[in-house]
Amino acid sequence: MLRVILILCFVLAVSGSALYMTKLSVDGRYDRLSQLQTEIKAAENRAIILEAEWAFLSRPDRLLNLSSSLLSMRPITQNRVLPLESIPLRQPASAPSDSKASDTNDRGDNAQ
């Protein structure tokens, strides 16, 4: 009877230790999860701020002012625009001529 009690106490101690280790593992994972959620929120906030900065910096009126002051750019005038007919069309690739084929046949006949 004493052996049964000792075995039960040992089983209870082992199962209690295993349960405690499992609890510590789960708590650690919850801590890591909350840390990751905090990092995700911070990254989302940074992305929102960057999008707002991009929208502010890429305003058309600001870009026009910068281009005119820094690059000395002007709008394209009518005399700078070419009509479509002034662009040369690409010529089709020429097919191999039949004279080359007949030359190789003539050479083959002379070699024999």
PDB file of N, CA and C in Angstrom:
ATOM      1  N   MET A   1       0.819  -1.190   0.000  1.00  0.00           N
ATOM      2  CA  MET A   1       0.000   0.000   0.000  1.00  0.00           C
ATOM      3  C   MET A   1       0.868   1.262   0.000  1.00  0.00           C
ATOM      4  N   LEU A   2       1.974   1.168   0.744  1.00  0.00           N
ATOM      5  CA  LEU A   2       2.888   2.298   0.813  1.00  0.00           C
ATOM      6  C   LEU A   2       3.524   2.575  -0.550  1.00  0.00           C
ATOM      7  N   ARG A   3       3.822   1.520  -1.279  1.00  0.00           N
ATOM      8  CA  ARG A   3       4.380   1.687  -2.630  1.00  0.00           C
ATOM      9  C   ARG A   3       3.409   2.400  -3.547  1.00  0.00           C
ATOM     10  N   VAL A   4       2.140   2.066  -3.471  1.00  0.00           N
ATOM     11  CA  VAL A   4       1.124   2.686  -4.313  1.00  0.00           C
ATOM     12  C   VAL A   4       1.040   4.175  -4.009  1.00  0.00           C
ATOM     13  N   ILE A   5       1.097   4.515  -2.727  1.00  0.00           N
ATOM     14  CA  ILE A   5       1.037   5.926  -2.337  1.00  0.00           C
ATOM     15  C   ILE A   5       2.275   6.664  -2.835  1.00  0.00           C
ATOM     16  N   LEU A   6       3.440   6.048  -2.706  1.00  0.00           N
ATOM     17  CA  LEU A   6       4.670   6.672  -3.196  1.00  0.00           C
ATOM     18  C   LEU A   6       4.649   6.844  -4.719  1.00  0.00           C
ATOM     19  N   ILE A   7       4.157   5.867  -5.409  1.00  0.00           N
ATOM     20  CA  ILE A   7       4.078   5.948  -6.873  1.00  0.00           C
ATOM     21  C   ILE A   7       3.096   7.054  -7.276  1.00  0.00           C
ATOM     22  N   LEU A   8       1.950   7.134  -6.581  1.00  0.00           N
ATOM     23  CA  LEU A   8       0.985   8.187  -6.875  1.00  0.00           C
ATOM     24  C   LEU A   8       1.560   9.571  -6.584  1.00  0.00           C
ATOM     25  N   CYS A   9       2.285   9.695  -5.496  1.00  0.00           N
ATOM     26  CA  CYS A   9       2.921  10.984  -5.196  1.00  0.00           C
ATOM     27  C   CYS A   9       3.946  11.348  -6.268  1.00  0.00           C
ATOM     28  N   PHE A  10       4.707  10.376  -6.725  1.00  0.00           N
ATOM     29  CA  PHE A  10       5.700  10.621  -7.774  1.00  0.00           C
ATOM     30  C   PHE A  10       5.017  11.026  -9.084  1.00  0.00           C
ATOM     31  N   VAL A  11       3.938  10.326  -9.445  1.00  0.00           N
ATOM     32  CA  VAL A  11       3.202  10.645 -10.672  1.00  0.00           C
ATOM     33  C   VAL A  11       2.608  12.051 -10.564  1.00  0.00           C
ATOM     34  N   LEU A  12       2.058  12.398  -9.398  1.00  0.00           N
ATOM     35  CA  LEU A  12       1.511  13.732  -9.194  1.00  0.00           C
ATOM     36  C   LEU A  12       2.610  14.801  -9.288  1.00  0.00           C
ATOM     37  N   ALA A  13       3.763  14.534  -8.742  1.00  0.00           N
ATOM     38  CA  ALA A  13       4.864  15.500  -8.795  1.00  0.00           C
ATOM     39  C   ALA A  13       5.339  15.694 -10.239  1.00  0.00           C
ATOM     40  N   VAL A  14       5.468  14.611 -10.985  1.00  0.00           N
ATOM     41  CA  VAL A  14       5.907  14.700 -12.382  1.00  0.00           C
ATOM     42  C   VAL A  14       4.861  15.420 -13.221  1.00  0.00           C
ATOM     43  N   SER A  15       3.585  15.069 -13.042  1.00  0.00           N
ATOM     44  CA  SER A  15       2.537  15.725 -13.830  1.00  0.00           C
ATOM     45  C   SER A  15       2.398  17.195 -13.426  1.00  0.00           C
ATOM     46  N   GLY A  16       2.582  17.515 -12.153  1.00  0.00           N
ATOM     47  CA  GLY A  16       2.552  18.904 -11.724  1.00  0.00           C
ATOM     48  C   GLY A  16       3.705  19.697 -12.326  1.00  0.00           C
ATOM     49  N   SER A  17       4.887  19.089 -12.337  1.00  0.00           N
ATOM     50  CA  SER A  17       6.046  19.760 -12.950  1.00  0.00           C
ATOM     51  C   SER A  17       5.828  19.963 -14.444  1.00  0.00           C
ATOM     52  N   ALA A  18       5.297  18.955 -15.120  1.00  0.00           N
ATOM     53  CA  ALA A  18       5.038  19.074 -16.561  1.00  0.00           C
ATOM     54  C   ALA A  18       3.998  20.152 -16.826  1.00  0.00           C
ATOM     55  N   LEU A  19       2.966  20.215 -16.003  1.00  0.00           N
ATOM     56  CA  LEU A  19       1.934  21.230 -16.164  1.00  0.00           C
ATOM     57  C   LEU A  19       2.508  22.630 -15.935  1.00  0.00           C
ATOM     58  N   TYR A  20       3.379  22.764 -14.929  1.00  0.00           N
ATOM     59  CA  TYR A  20       4.001  24.055 -14.653  1.00  0.00           C
ATOM     60  C   TYR A  20       4.909  24.481 -15.817  1.00  0.00           C
ATOM     61  N   MET A  21       5.676  23.561 -16.365  1.00  0.00           N
ATOM     62  CA  MET A  21       6.551  23.873 -17.503  1.00  0.00           C
ATOM     63  C   MET A  21       5.721  24.270 -18.726  1.00  0.00           C
ATOM     64  N   THR A  22       4.605  23.601 -18.930  1.00  0.00           N
ATOM     65  CA  THR A  22       3.715  23.951 -20.041  1.00  0.00           C
ATOM     66  C   THR A  22       3.137  25.344 -19.846  1.00  0.00           C
ATOM     67  N   LYS A  23       2.754  25.666 -18.597  1.00  0.00           N
ATOM     68  CA  LYS A  23       2.227  26.998 -18.300  1.00  0.00           C
ATOM     69  C   LYS A  23       3.279  28.066 -18.578  1.00  0.00           C
ATOM     70  N   LEU A  24       4.523  27.832 -18.183  1.00  0.00           N
ATOM     71  CA  LEU A  24       5.599  28.795 -18.448  1.00  0.00           C
ATOM     72  C   LEU A  24       5.812  28.980 -19.950  1.00  0.00           C
ATOM     73  N   SER A  25       5.740  27.894 -20.688  1.00  0.00           N
ATOM     74  CA  SER A  25       5.912  27.968 -22.139  1.00  0.00           C
ATOM     75  C   SER A  25       4.790  28.787 -22.785  1.00  0.00           C
ATOM     76  N   VAL A  26       3.560  28.535 -22.349  1.00  0.00           N
ATOM     77  CA  VAL A  26       2.415  29.268 -22.899  1.00  0.00           C
ATOM     78  C   VAL A  26       2.505  30.745 -22.535  1.00  0.00           C
ATOM     79  N   ASP A  27       2.883  31.042 -21.296  1.00  0.00           N
ATOM     80  CA  ASP A  27       3.037  32.441 -20.880  1.00  0.00           C
ATOM     81  C   ASP A  27       4.103  33.144 -21.720  1.00  0.00           C
ATOM     82  N   GLY A  28       5.201  32.463 -21.990  1.00  0.00           N
ATOM     83  CA  GLY A  28       6.254  33.032 -22.826  1.00  0.00           C
ATOM     84  C   GLY A  28       5.762  33.309 -24.237  1.00  0.00           C
ATOM     85  N   ARG A  29       4.962  32.414 -24.764  1.00  0.00           N
ATOM     86  CA  ARG A  29       4.414  32.623 -26.115  1.00  0.00           C
ATOM     87  C   ARG A  29       3.428  33.782 -26.136  1.00  0.00           C
ATOM     88  N   TYR A  30       2.620  33.929 -25.074  1.00  0.00           N
ATOM     89  CA  TYR A  30       1.709  35.078 -25.008  1.00  0.00           C
ATOM     90  C   TYR A  30       2.479  36.389 -24.917  1.00  0.00           C
ATOM     91  N   ASP A  31       3.576  36.383 -24.154  1.00  0.00           N
ATOM     92  CA  ASP A  31       4.411  37.587 -24.076  1.00  0.00           C
ATOM     93  C   ASP A  31       4.995  37.927 -25.439  1.00  0.00           C
ATOM     94  N   ARG A  32       5.486  36.923 -26.143  1.00  0.00           N
ATOM     95  CA  ARG A  32       6.053  37.145 -27.483  1.00  0.00           C
ATOM     96  C   ARG A  32       4.969  37.638 -28.448  1.00  0.00           C
ATOM     97  N   LEU A  33       3.753  37.096 -28.321  1.00  0.00           N
ATOM     98  CA  LEU A  33       2.645  37.523 -29.162  1.00  0.00           C
ATOM     99  C   LEU A  33       2.303  38.994 -28.921  1.00  0.00           C
ATOM    100  N   SER A  34       2.238  39.397 -27.666  1.00  0.00           N
ATOM    101  CA  SER A  34       1.925  40.801 -27.387  1.00  0.00           C
ATOM    102  C   SER A  34       3.060  41.712 -27.857  1.00  0.00           C
ATOM    103  N   GLN A  35       4.309  41.252 -27.747  1.00  0.00           N
ATOM    104  CA  GLN A  35       5.444  42.029 -28.250  1.00  0.00           C
ATOM    105  C   GLN A  35       5.344  42.190 -29.768  1.00  0.00           C
ATOM    106  N   LEU A  36       5.029  41.126 -30.469  1.00  0.00           N
ATOM    107  CA  LEU A  36       4.895  41.194 -31.928  1.00  0.00           C
ATOM    108  C   LEU A  36       3.734  42.097 -32.339  1.00  0.00           C
ATOM    109  N   GLN A  37       2.620  42.031 -31.592  1.00  0.00           N
ATOM    110  CA  GLN A  37       1.497  42.904 -31.908  1.00  0.00           C
ATOM    111  C   GLN A  37       1.868  44.370 -31.717  1.00  0.00           C
ATOM    112  N   THR A  38       2.654  44.656 -30.693  1.00  0.00           N
ATOM    113  CA  THR A  38       3.120  46.030 -30.471  1.00  0.00           C
ATOM    114  C   THR A  38       4.024  46.479 -31.618  1.00  0.00           C
ATOM    115  N   GLU A  39       4.929  45.595 -32.055  1.00  0.00           N
ATOM    116  CA  GLU A  39       5.815  45.927 -33.178  1.00  0.00           C
ATOM    117  C   GLU A  39       5.024  46.146 -34.467  1.00  0.00           C
ATOM    118  N   ILE A  40       3.989  45.345 -34.679  1.00  0.00           N
ATOM    119  CA  ILE A  40       3.151  45.499 -35.878  1.00  0.00           C
ATOM    120  C   ILE A  40       2.428  46.835 -35.851  1.00  0.00           C
ATOM    121  N   LYS A  41       1.881  47.202 -34.702  1.00  0.00           N
ATOM    122  CA  LYS A  41       1.196  48.501 -34.581  1.00  0.00           C
ATOM    123  C   LYS A  41       2.168  49.646 -34.875  1.00  0.00           C
ATOM    124  N   ALA A  42       3.394  49.554 -34.338  1.00  0.00           N
ATOM    125  CA  ALA A  42       4.388  50.605 -34.569  1.00  0.00           C
ATOM    126  C   ALA A  42       4.745  50.684 -36.053  1.00  0.00           C
ATOM    127  N   ALA A  43       4.895  49.533 -36.710  1.00  0.00           N
ATOM    128  CA  ALA A  43       5.210  49.530 -38.143  1.00  0.00           C
ATOM    129  C   ALA A  43       4.060  50.100 -38.958  1.00  0.00           C
ATOM    130  N   GLU A  44       2.829  49.779 -38.580  1.00  0.00           N
ATOM    131  CA  GLU A  44       1.673  50.338 -39.287  1.00  0.00           C
ATOM    132  C   GLU A  44       1.617  51.850 -39.114  1.00  0.00           C
ATOM    133  N   ASN A  45       1.908  52.332 -37.905  1.00  0.00           N
ATOM    134  CA  ASN A  45       1.923  53.783 -37.674  1.00  0.00           C
ATOM    135  C   ASN A  45       3.009  54.458 -38.497  1.00  0.00           C
ATOM    136  N   ARG A  46       4.192  53.835 -38.577  1.00  0.00           N
ATOM    137  CA  ARG A  46       5.267  54.396 -39.408  1.00  0.00           C
ATOM    138  C   ARG A  46       4.865  54.421 -40.871  1.00  0.00           C
ATOM    139  N   ALA A  47       4.173  53.378 -41.335  1.00  0.00           N
ATOM    140  CA  ALA A  47       3.731  53.337 -42.734  1.00  0.00           C
ATOM    141  C   ALA A  47       2.711  54.442 -43.010  1.00  0.00           C
ATOM    142  N   ILE A  48       1.814  54.688 -42.077  1.00  0.00           N
ATOM    143  CA  ILE A  48       0.825  55.756 -42.249  1.00  0.00           C
ATOM    144  C   ILE A  48       1.519  57.105 -42.317  1.00  0.00           C
ATOM    145  N   ILE A  49       2.504  57.301 -41.443  1.00  0.00           N
ATOM    146  CA  ILE A  49       3.244  58.567 -41.442  1.00  0.00           C
ATOM    147  C   ILE A  49       4.002  58.743 -42.755  1.00  0.00           C
ATOM    148  N   LEU A  50       4.632  57.671 -43.242  1.00  0.00           N
ATOM    149  CA  LEU A  50       5.375  57.754 -44.502  1.00  0.00           C
ATOM    150  C   LEU A  50       4.456  58.035 -45.684  1.00  0.00           C
ATOM    151  N   GLU A  51       3.268  57.437 -45.669  1.00  0.00           N
ATOM    152  CA  GLU A  51       2.304  57.716 -46.748  1.00  0.00           C
ATOM    153  C   GLU A  51       1.871  59.175 -46.720  1.00  0.00           C
ATOM    154  N   ALA A  52       1.666  59.716 -45.524  1.00  0.00           N
ATOM    155  CA  ALA A  52       1.276  61.125 -45.413  1.00  0.00           C
ATOM    156  C   ALA A  52       2.411  62.035 -45.883  1.00  0.00           C
ATOM    157  N   GLU A  53       3.648  61.701 -45.512  1.00  0.00           N
ATOM    158  CA  GLU A  53       4.786  62.495 -45.972  1.00  0.00           C
ATOM    159  C   GLU A  53       4.920  62.432 -47.490  1.00  0.00           C
ATOM    160  N   TRP A  54       4.725  61.233 -48.055  1.00  0.00           N
ATOM    161  CA  TRP A  54       4.823  61.086 -49.514  1.00  0.00           C
ATOM    162  C   TRP A  54       3.744  61.917 -50.202  1.00  0.00           C
ATOM    163  N   ALA A  55       2.543  61.886 -49.676  1.00  0.00           N
ATOM    164  CA  ALA A  55       1.458  62.674 -50.267  1.00  0.00           C
ATOM    165  C   ALA A  55       1.774  64.166 -50.171  1.00  0.00           C
ATOM    166  N   PHE A  56       2.366  64.587 -49.061  1.00  0.00           N
ATOM    167  CA  PHE A  56       2.718  65.993 -48.901  1.00  0.00           C
ATOM    168  C   PHE A  56       3.841  66.391 -49.859  1.00  0.00           C
ATOM    169  N   LEU A  57       4.851  65.543 -49.981  1.00  0.00           N
ATOM    170  CA  LEU A  57       6.004  65.889 -50.808  1.00  0.00           C
ATOM    171  C   LEU A  57       5.727  65.762 -52.300  1.00  0.00           C
ATOM    172  N   SER A  58       4.753  64.978 -52.690  1.00  0.00           N
ATOM    173  CA  SER A  58       4.500  64.771 -54.120  1.00  0.00           C
ATOM    174  C   SER A  58       3.299  65.570 -54.619  1.00  0.00           C
ATOM    175  N   ARG A  59       2.955  66.653 -53.919  1.00  0.00           N
ATOM    176  CA  ARG A  59       1.870  67.519 -54.390  1.00  0.00           C
ATOM    177  C   ARG A  59       2.273  68.132 -55.732  1.00  0.00           C
ATOM    178  N   PRO A  60       1.364  68.174 -56.699  1.00  0.00           N
ATOM    179  CA  PRO A  60       1.712  68.707 -58.022  1.00  0.00           C
ATOM    180  C   PRO A  60       2.194  70.152 -57.985  1.00  0.00           C
ATOM    181  N   ASP A  61       1.574  71.013 -57.168  1.00  0.00           N
ATOM    182  CA  ASP A  61       2.014  72.413 -57.129  1.00  0.00           C
ATOM    183  C   ASP A  61       3.424  72.533 -56.561  1.00  0.00           C
ATOM    184  N   ARG A  62       3.763  71.711 -55.573  1.00  0.00           N
ATOM    185  CA  ARG A  62       5.110  71.731 -55.011  1.00  0.00           C
ATOM    186  C   ARG A  62       6.125  71.244 -56.036  1.00  0.00           C
ATOM    187  N   LEU A  63       5.800  70.160 -56.742  1.00  0.00           N
ATOM    188  CA  LEU A  63       6.710  69.637 -57.758  1.00  0.00           C
ATOM    189  C   LEU A  63       6.907  70.626 -58.895  1.00  0.00           C
ATOM    190  N   LEU A  64       5.847  71.340 -59.271  1.00  0.00           N
ATOM    191  CA  LEU A  64       5.964  72.341 -60.323  1.00  0.00           C
ATOM    192  C   LEU A  64       6.882  73.478 -59.884  1.00  0.00           C
ATOM    193  N   ASN A  65       6.735  73.933 -58.644  1.00  0.00           N
ATOM    194  CA  ASN A  65       7.612  74.984 -58.131  1.00  0.00           C
ATOM    195  C   ASN A  65       9.060  74.521 -58.068  1.00  0.00           C
ATOM    196  N   LEU A  66       9.266  73.291 -57.596  1.00  0.00           N
ATOM    197  CA  LEU A  66      10.633  72.771 -57.527  1.00  0.00           C
ATOM    198  C   LEU A  66      11.247  72.609 -58.911  1.00  0.00           C
ATOM    199  N   SER A  67      10.473  72.096 -59.842  1.00  0.00           N
ATOM    200  CA  SER A  67      11.019  71.881 -61.187  1.00  0.00           C
ATOM    201  C   SER A  67      11.339  73.202 -61.865  1.00  0.00           C
ATOM    202  N   SER A  68      10.532  74.210 -61.636  1.00  0.00           N
ATOM    203  CA  SER A  68      10.811  75.494 -62.277  1.00  0.00           C
ATOM    204  C   SER A  68      11.983  76.203 -61.609  1.00  0.00           C
ATOM    205  N   SER A  69      12.138  76.066 -60.290  1.00  0.00           N
ATOM    206  CA  SER A  69      13.222  76.783 -59.612  1.00  0.00           C
ATOM    207  C   SER A  69      14.550  76.030 -59.673  1.00  0.00           C
ATOM    208  N   LEU A  70      14.532  74.722 -59.519  1.00  0.00           N
ATOM    209  CA  LEU A  70      15.784  73.971 -59.453  1.00  0.00           C
ATOM    210  C   LEU A  70      16.252  73.447 -60.803  1.00  0.00           C
ATOM    211  N   LEU A  71      15.338  73.064 -61.650  1.00  0.00           N
ATOM    212  CA  LEU A  71      15.711  72.421 -62.903  1.00  0.00           C
ATOM    213  C   LEU A  71      15.555  73.335 -64.108  1.00  0.00           C
ATOM    214  N   SER A  72      15.061  74.498 -63.906  1.00  0.00           N
ATOM    215  CA  SER A  72      14.798  75.440 -65.004  1.00  0.00           C
ATOM    216  C   SER A  72      13.944  74.780 -66.086  1.00  0.00           C
ATOM    217  N   MET A  73      12.971  74.038 -65.677  1.00  0.00           N
ATOM    218  CA  MET A  73      12.093  73.362 -66.627  1.00  0.00           C
ATOM    219  C   MET A  73      10.926  74.277 -66.981  1.00  0.00           C
ATOM    220  N   ARG A  74      10.489  74.145 -68.213  1.00  0.00           N
ATOM    221  CA  ARG A  74       9.338  74.900 -68.697  1.00  0.00           C
ATOM    222  C   ARG A  74       8.366  73.922 -69.347  1.00  0.00           C
ATOM    223  N   PRO A  75       7.113  74.301 -69.444  1.00  0.00           N
ATOM    224  CA  PRO A  75       6.171  73.416 -70.135  1.00  0.00           C
ATOM    225  C   PRO A  75       6.574  73.255 -71.600  1.00  0.00           C
ATOM    226  N   ILE A  76       6.226  72.145 -72.180  1.00  0.00           N
ATOM    227  CA  ILE A  76       6.552  71.869 -73.578  1.00  0.00           C
ATOM    228  C   ILE A  76       5.716  72.775 -74.471  1.00  0.00           C
ATOM    229  N   THR A  77       6.392  73.435 -75.384  1.00  0.00           N
ATOM    230  CA  THR A  77       5.678  74.326 -76.298  1.00  0.00           C
ATOM    231  C   THR A  77       5.184  73.545 -77.499  1.00  0.00           C
ATOM    232  N   GLN A  78       4.326  74.173 -78.262  1.00  0.00           N
ATOM    233  CA  GLN A  78       3.698  73.519 -79.400  1.00  0.00           C
ATOM    234  C   GLN A  78       4.720  73.161 -80.474  1.00  0.00           C
ATOM    235  N   ASN A  79       5.762  73.960 -80.638  1.00  0.00           N
ATOM    236  CA  ASN A  79       6.739  73.677 -81.689  1.00  0.00           C
ATOM    237  C   ASN A  79       7.673  72.524 -81.310  1.00  0.00           C
ATOM    238  N   ARG A  80       7.647  72.060 -80.056  1.00  0.00           N
ATOM    239  CA  ARG A  80       8.479  70.930 -79.635  1.00  0.00           C
ATOM    240  C   ARG A  80       7.779  69.582 -79.832  1.00  0.00           C
ATOM    241  N   VAL A  81       6.489  69.594 -80.116  1.00  0.00           N
ATOM    242  CA  VAL A  81       5.729  68.368 -80.297  1.00  0.00           C
ATOM    243  C   VAL A  81       5.731  68.015 -81.770  1.00  0.00           C
ATOM    244  N   LEU A  82       6.200  66.812 -82.080  1.00  0.00           N
ATOM    245  CA  LEU A  82       6.267  66.361 -83.469  1.00  0.00           C
ATOM    246  C   LEU A  82       4.989  65.624 -83.842  1.00  0.00           C
ATOM    247  N   PRO A  83       4.577  65.731 -85.092  1.00  0.00           N
ATOM    248  CA  PRO A  83       3.417  64.932 -85.519  1.00  0.00           C
ATOM    249  C   PRO A  83       3.802  63.464 -85.624  1.00  0.00           C
ATOM    250  N   LEU A  84       2.824  62.609 -85.592  1.00  0.00           N
ATOM    251  CA  LEU A  84       3.065  61.179 -85.630  1.00  0.00           C
ATOM    252  C   LEU A  84       3.714  60.744 -86.947  1.00  0.00           C
ATOM    253  N   GLU A  85       3.423  61.439 -88.022  1.00  0.00           N
ATOM    254  CA  GLU A  85       3.964  61.066 -89.333  1.00  0.00           C
ATOM    255  C   GLU A  85       5.477  61.282 -89.404  1.00  0.00           C
ATOM    256  N   SER A  86       6.045  62.100 -88.542  1.00  0.00           N
ATOM    257  CA  SER A  86       7.478  62.370 -88.603  1.00  0.00           C
ATOM    258  C   SER A  86       8.307  61.244 -87.987  1.00  0.00           C
ATOM    259  N   ILE A  87       7.675  60.303 -87.319  1.00  0.00           N
ATOM    260  CA  ILE A  87       8.395  59.176 -86.730  1.00  0.00           C
ATOM    261  C   ILE A  87       8.527  58.090 -87.790  1.00  0.00           C
ATOM    262  N   PRO A  88       9.769  57.680 -88.127  1.00  0.00           N
ATOM    263  CA  PRO A  88       9.933  56.650 -89.161  1.00  0.00           C
ATOM    264  C   PRO A  88       9.457  55.291 -88.657  1.00  0.00           C
ATOM    265  N   LEU A  89       8.825  54.553 -89.542  1.00  0.00           N
ATOM    266  CA  LEU A  89       8.345  53.226 -89.196  1.00  0.00           C
ATOM    267  C   LEU A  89       9.471  52.225 -89.338  1.00  0.00           C
ATOM    268  N   ARG A  90       9.438  51.194 -88.562  1.00  0.00           N
ATOM    269  CA  ARG A  90      10.448  50.146 -88.619  1.00  0.00           C
ATOM    270  C   ARG A  90      10.248  49.330 -89.896  1.00  0.00           C
ATOM    271  N   GLN A  91      11.341  49.071 -90.598  1.00  0.00           N
ATOM    272  CA  GLN A  91      11.278  48.273 -91.815  1.00  0.00           C
ATOM    273  C   GLN A  91      11.201  46.794 -91.436  1.00  0.00           C
ATOM    274  N   PRO A  92      10.410  46.014 -92.175  1.00  0.00           N
ATOM    275  CA  PRO A  92      10.340  44.586 -91.857  1.00  0.00           C
ATOM    276  C   PRO A  92      11.676  43.915 -92.143  1.00  0.00           C
ATOM    277  N   ALA A  93      11.974  42.890 -91.369  1.00  0.00           N
ATOM    278  CA  ALA A  93      13.231  42.161 -91.561  1.00  0.00           C
ATOM    279  C   ALA A  93      13.200  41.467 -92.906  1.00  0.00           C
ATOM    280  N   SER A  94      14.307  41.561 -93.637  1.00  0.00           N
ATOM    281  CA  SER A  94      14.349  40.941 -94.976  1.00  0.00           C
ATOM    282  C   SER A  94      14.570  39.443 -94.829  1.00  0.00           C
ATOM    283  N   ALA A  95      13.907  38.683 -95.719  1.00  0.00           N
ATOM    284  CA  ALA A  95      14.034  37.232 -95.722  1.00  0.00           C
ATOM    285  C   ALA A  95      15.330  36.867 -96.427  1.00  0.00           C
ATOM    286  N   PRO A  96      15.940  35.719 -96.099  1.00  0.00           N
ATOM    287  CA  PRO A  96      17.164  35.311 -96.797  1.00  0.00           C
ATOM    288  C   PRO A  96      16.886  35.123 -98.291  1.00  0.00           C
ATOM    289  N   SER A  97      17.810  35.582 -99.083  1.00  0.00           N
ATOM    290  CA  SER A  97      17.588  35.524-100.536  1.00  0.00           C
ATOM    291  C   SER A  97      17.818  34.109-101.067  1.00  0.00           C
ATOM    292  N   ASP A  98      17.185  33.831-102.197  1.00  0.00           N
ATOM    293  CA  ASP A  98      17.308  32.511-102.819  1.00  0.00           C
ATOM    294  C   ASP A  98      18.671  32.334-103.475  1.00  0.00           C
ATOM    295  N   SER A  99      19.377  33.423-103.781  1.00  0.00           N
ATOM    296  CA  SER A  99      20.664  33.316-104.460  1.00  0.00           C
ATOM    297  C   SER A  99      21.692  32.643-103.560  1.00  0.00           C
ATOM    298  N   LYS A 100      21.608  32.821-102.225  1.00  0.00           N
ATOM    299  CA  LYS A 100      22.547  32.159-101.325  1.00  0.00           C
ATOM    300  C   LYS A 100      22.324  30.653-101.349  1.00  0.00           C
ATOM    301  N   ALA A 101      21.076  30.227-101.395  1.00  0.00           N
ATOM    302  CA  ALA A 101      20.774  28.797-101.424  1.00  0.00           C
ATOM    303  C   ALA A 101      21.283  28.171-102.712  1.00  0.00           C
ATOM    304  N   SER A 102      21.130  28.877-103.831  1.00  0.00           N
ATOM    305  CA  SER A 102      21.598  28.321-105.095  1.00  0.00           C
ATOM    306  C   SER A 102      23.118  28.324-105.154  1.00  0.00           C
ATOM    307  N   ASP A 103      23.776  29.291-104.491  1.00  0.00           N
ATOM    308  CA  ASP A 103      25.235  29.315-104.455  1.00  0.00           C
ATOM    309  C   ASP A 103      25.779  28.105-103.714  1.00  0.00           C
ATOM    310  N   THR A 104      25.178  27.723-102.638  1.00  0.00           N
ATOM    311  CA  THR A 104      25.668  26.582-101.885  1.00  0.00           C
ATOM    312  C   THR A 104      25.449  25.292-102.655  1.00  0.00           C
ATOM    313  N   ASN A 105      24.366  25.201-103.433  1.00  0.00           N
ATOM    314  CA  ASN A 105      24.140  24.006-104.252  1.00  0.00           C
ATOM    315  C   ASN A 105      25.175  23.931-105.365  1.00  0.00           C
ATOM    316  N   ASP A 106      25.490  25.072-105.963  1.00  0.00           N
ATOM    317  CA  ASP A 106      26.477  25.061-107.037  1.00  0.00           C
ATOM    318  C   ASP A 106      27.835  24.649-106.506  1.00  0.00           C
ATOM    319  N   ARG A 107      28.192  25.118-105.331  1.00  0.00           N
ATOM    320  CA  ARG A 107      29.495  24.771-104.763  1.00  0.00           C
ATOM    321  C   ARG A 107      29.550  23.292-104.448  1.00  0.00           C
ATOM    322  N   GLY A 108      28.454  22.764-103.947  1.00  0.00           N
ATOM    323  CA  GLY A 108      28.420  21.334-103.614  1.00  0.00           C
ATOM    324  C   GLY A 108      28.588  20.479-104.864  1.00  0.00           C
ATOM    325  N   ASP A 109      27.999  20.928-105.984  1.00  0.00           N
ATOM    326  CA  ASP A 109      28.120  20.155-107.216  1.00  0.00           C
ATOM    327  C   ASP A 109      29.538  20.224-107.759  1.00  0.00           C
ATOM    328  N   ASN A 110      30.203  21.367-107.624  1.00  0.00           N
ATOM    329  CA  ASN A 110      31.567  21.508-108.134  1.00  0.00           C
ATOM    330  C   ASN A 110      32.549  20.712-107.316  1.00  0.00           C
ATOM    331  N   ALA A 111      32.279  20.518-106.030  1.00  0.00           N
ATOM    332  CA  ALA A 111      33.217  19.810-105.172  1.00  0.00           C
ATOM    333  C   ALA A 111      33.237  18.345-105.494  1.00  0.00           C
ATOM    334  N   GLN A 112      32.182  17.769-106.049  1.00  0.00           N
ATOM    335  CA  GLN A 112      32.122  16.328-106.326  1.00  0.00           C
ATOM    336  C   GLN A 112      32.821  16.043-107.560  1.00  0.00           C
TER     337      GLN A 112
END
